[in-house]
Amino acid sequence: MVDRAFAVANAHPSPRLETNSIMNLLASVKSMGLASIMPEYFINVLGRLEGVKAIPLVEPTVQHKVGLVGLPREPQSPLISALFATAKKLKP
């Protein structure tokens, strides 16, 4: 999603760090003076952090589809059955 948004914006960043840990990412932003793209809720959970400024990204608008996949097993667990039933109700 991020790569697609950069392409649409005709931006060509040079990543200095890649990680799958938001805590590692935030620590690197704070200690190394880097910038990052991360979910807004994360900064809301931690509160204001000295030296870190959140700037909302408004263009380009990013949209994506999400899928739900499960193995066809019998019997299916009640939790998985409820998950699929709920997802079917949400389908536009």
C-alpha atoms as a PDB file:
ATOM      1  CA  MET A   1       0.000   0.000   0.000  1.00  0.00           C
ATOM      2  CA  VAL A   2       2.743   2.425   0.912  1.00  0.00           C
ATOM      3  CA  ASP A   3       4.745   1.686  -2.238  1.00  0.00           C
ATOM      4  CA  ARG A   4       1.614   2.222  -4.352  1.00  0.00           C
ATOM      5  CA  ALA A   5       0.902   5.560  -2.620  1.00  0.00           C
ATOM      6  CA  PHE A   6       4.465   6.723  -3.277  1.00  0.00           C
ATOM      7  CA  ALA A   7       4.136   5.743  -6.940  1.00  0.00           C
ATOM      8  CA  VAL A   8       0.856   7.666  -7.291  1.00  0.00           C
ATOM      9  CA  ALA A   9       2.480  10.694  -5.631  1.00  0.00           C
ATOM     10  CA  ASN A  10       5.520  10.316  -7.925  1.00  0.00           C
ATOM     11  CA  ALA A  11       7.733  10.150  -4.833  1.00  0.00           C
ATOM     12  CA  HIS A  12      10.869   8.045  -4.638  1.00  0.00           C
ATOM     13  CA  PRO A  13      11.974   7.646  -1.010  1.00  0.00           C
ATOM     14  CA  SER A  14      15.220   5.946  -0.008  1.00  0.00           C
ATOM     15  CA  PRO A  15      14.418   3.784   3.027  1.00  0.00           C
ATOM     16  CA  ARG A  16      17.101   3.730   5.714  1.00  0.00           C
ATOM     17  CA  LEU A  17      15.334   1.164   7.877  1.00  0.00           C
ATOM     18  CA  GLU A  18      12.752  -1.560   7.403  1.00  0.00           C
ATOM     19  CA  THR A  19      11.130  -3.375  10.301  1.00  0.00           C
ATOM     20  CA  ASN A  20       7.898  -5.131  11.173  1.00  0.00           C
ATOM     21  CA  SER A  21       7.929  -3.680  14.708  1.00  0.00           C
ATOM     22  CA  ILE A  22       6.156  -0.372  15.221  1.00  0.00           C
ATOM     23  CA  MET A  23       7.950   0.075  18.558  1.00  0.00           C
ATOM     24  CA  ASN A  24      11.314  -0.395  16.820  1.00  0.00           C
ATOM     25  CA  LEU A  25      10.212   2.015  14.107  1.00  0.00           C
ATOM     26  CA  LEU A  26       9.116   4.667  16.598  1.00  0.00           C
ATOM     27  CA  ALA A  27      12.338   4.294  18.607  1.00  0.00           C
ATOM     28  CA  SER A  28      14.372   4.693  15.415  1.00  0.00           C
ATOM     29  CA  VAL A  29      12.391   7.774  14.387  1.00  0.00           C
ATOM     30  CA  LYS A  30      12.995   9.323  17.790  1.00  0.00           C
ATOM     31  CA  SER A  31      16.666   8.383  18.215  1.00  0.00           C
ATOM     32  CA  MET A  32      17.916   8.588  14.607  1.00  0.00           C
ATOM     33  CA  GLY A  33      15.933  11.593  13.389  1.00  0.00           C
ATOM     34  CA  LEU A  34      14.111   9.571  10.745  1.00  0.00           C
ATOM     35  CA  ALA A  35      10.579   9.938   9.389  1.00  0.00           C
ATOM     36  CA  SER A  36       8.070   7.128   9.111  1.00  0.00           C
ATOM     37  CA  ILE A  37       4.562   6.244   8.081  1.00  0.00           C
ATOM     38  CA  MET A  38       2.593   4.580  10.851  1.00  0.00           C
ATOM     39  CA  PRO A  39      -1.021   4.297  11.974  1.00  0.00           C
ATOM     40  CA  GLU A  40      -2.431   7.410  13.639  1.00  0.00           C
ATOM     41  CA  TYR A  41      -3.893   5.388  16.508  1.00  0.00           C
ATOM     42  CA  PHE A  42      -0.393   4.440  17.630  1.00  0.00           C
ATOM     43  CA  ILE A  43       0.584   7.995  18.504  1.00  0.00           C
ATOM     44  CA  ASN A  44      -2.800   8.438  20.190  1.00  0.00           C
ATOM     45  CA  VAL A  45      -2.136   5.410  22.412  1.00  0.00           C
ATOM     46  CA  LEU A  46       1.309   6.581  23.495  1.00  0.00           C
ATOM     47  CA  GLY A  47       0.439  10.256  23.822  1.00  0.00           C
ATOM     48  CA  ARG A  48       2.619  13.175  22.859  1.00  0.00           C
ATOM     49  CA  LEU A  49       6.277  12.257  22.420  1.00  0.00           C
ATOM     50  CA  GLU A  50       8.907  14.945  22.740  1.00  0.00           C
ATOM     51  CA  GLY A  51      10.666  15.551  19.445  1.00  0.00           C
ATOM     52  CA  VAL A  52       8.093  13.591  17.422  1.00  0.00           C
ATOM     53  CA  LYS A  53       5.481  15.333  15.304  1.00  0.00           C
ATOM     54  CA  ALA A  54       2.570  13.568  13.616  1.00  0.00           C
ATOM     55  CA  ILE A  55       1.550  14.928  10.224  1.00  0.00           C
ATOM     56  CA  PRO A  56      -1.574  13.398   8.638  1.00  0.00           C
ATOM     57  CA  LEU A  57      -1.145  12.161   5.071  1.00  0.00           C
ATOM     58  CA  VAL A  58      -4.063  13.370   2.965  1.00  0.00           C
ATOM     59  CA  GLU A  59      -2.919  12.840  -0.614  1.00  0.00           C
ATOM     60  CA  PRO A  60      -3.051  10.516  -2.343  1.00  0.00           C
ATOM     61  CA  THR A  61      -6.073   8.824  -0.821  1.00  0.00           C
ATOM     62  CA  VAL A  62      -5.159   5.196  -0.180  1.00  0.00           C
ATOM     63  CA  GLN A  63      -7.758   2.448  -0.433  1.00  0.00           C
ATOM     64  CA  HIS A  64      -7.281  -1.285  -0.388  1.00  0.00           C
ATOM     65  CA  LYS A  65      -9.252  -4.496  -0.202  1.00  0.00           C
ATOM     66  CA  VAL A  66      -8.869  -7.067   2.525  1.00  0.00           C
ATOM     67  CA  GLY A  67      -9.670 -10.743   2.170  1.00  0.00           C
ATOM     68  CA  LEU A  68     -10.536 -13.448   4.658  1.00  0.00           C
ATOM     69  CA  VAL A  69      -9.235 -16.958   4.017  1.00  0.00           C
ATOM     70  CA  GLY A  70      -9.780 -20.124   5.996  1.00  0.00           C
ATOM     71  CA  LEU A  71      -9.202 -23.833   5.564  1.00  0.00           C
ATOM     72  CA  PRO A  72     -12.256 -25.989   4.790  1.00  0.00           C
ATOM     73  CA  ARG A  73     -12.333 -28.083   7.947  1.00  0.00           C
ATOM     74  CA  GLU A  74     -15.130 -30.056   9.566  1.00  0.00           C
ATOM     75  CA  PRO A  75     -16.084 -29.441  12.191  1.00  0.00           C
ATOM     76  CA  GLN A  76     -15.324 -25.751  11.932  1.00  0.00           C
ATOM     77  CA  SER A  77     -14.688 -23.988  15.220  1.00  0.00           C
ATOM     78  CA  PRO A  78     -17.486 -21.717  16.501  1.00  0.00           C
ATOM     79  CA  LEU A  79     -15.111 -18.744  16.436  1.00  0.00           C
ATOM     80  CA  ILE A  80     -14.211 -19.240  12.766  1.00  0.00           C
ATOM     81  CA  SER A  81     -17.867 -19.809  11.859  1.00  0.00           C
ATOM     82  CA  ALA A  82     -18.840 -16.574  13.621  1.00  0.00           C
ATOM     83  CA  LEU A  83     -15.997 -14.694  11.909  1.00  0.00           C
ATOM     84  CA  PHE A  84     -17.105 -15.764   8.433  1.00  0.00           C
ATOM     85  CA  ALA A  85     -20.779 -15.104   9.204  1.00  0.00           C
ATOM     86  CA  THR A  86     -19.931 -11.586  10.379  1.00  0.00           C
ATOM     87  CA  ALA A  87     -17.720 -10.919   7.368  1.00  0.00           C
ATOM     88  CA  LYS A  88     -20.496 -12.002   4.979  1.00  0.00           C
ATOM     89  CA  LYS A  89     -22.866  -9.489   6.611  1.00  0.00           C
ATOM     90  CA  LEU A  90     -20.321  -6.691   6.086  1.00  0.00           C
ATOM     91  CA  LYS A  91     -19.840  -7.406   2.391  1.00  0.00           C
ATOM     92  CA  PRO A  92     -21.040  -4.382   0.358  1.00  0.00           C
END
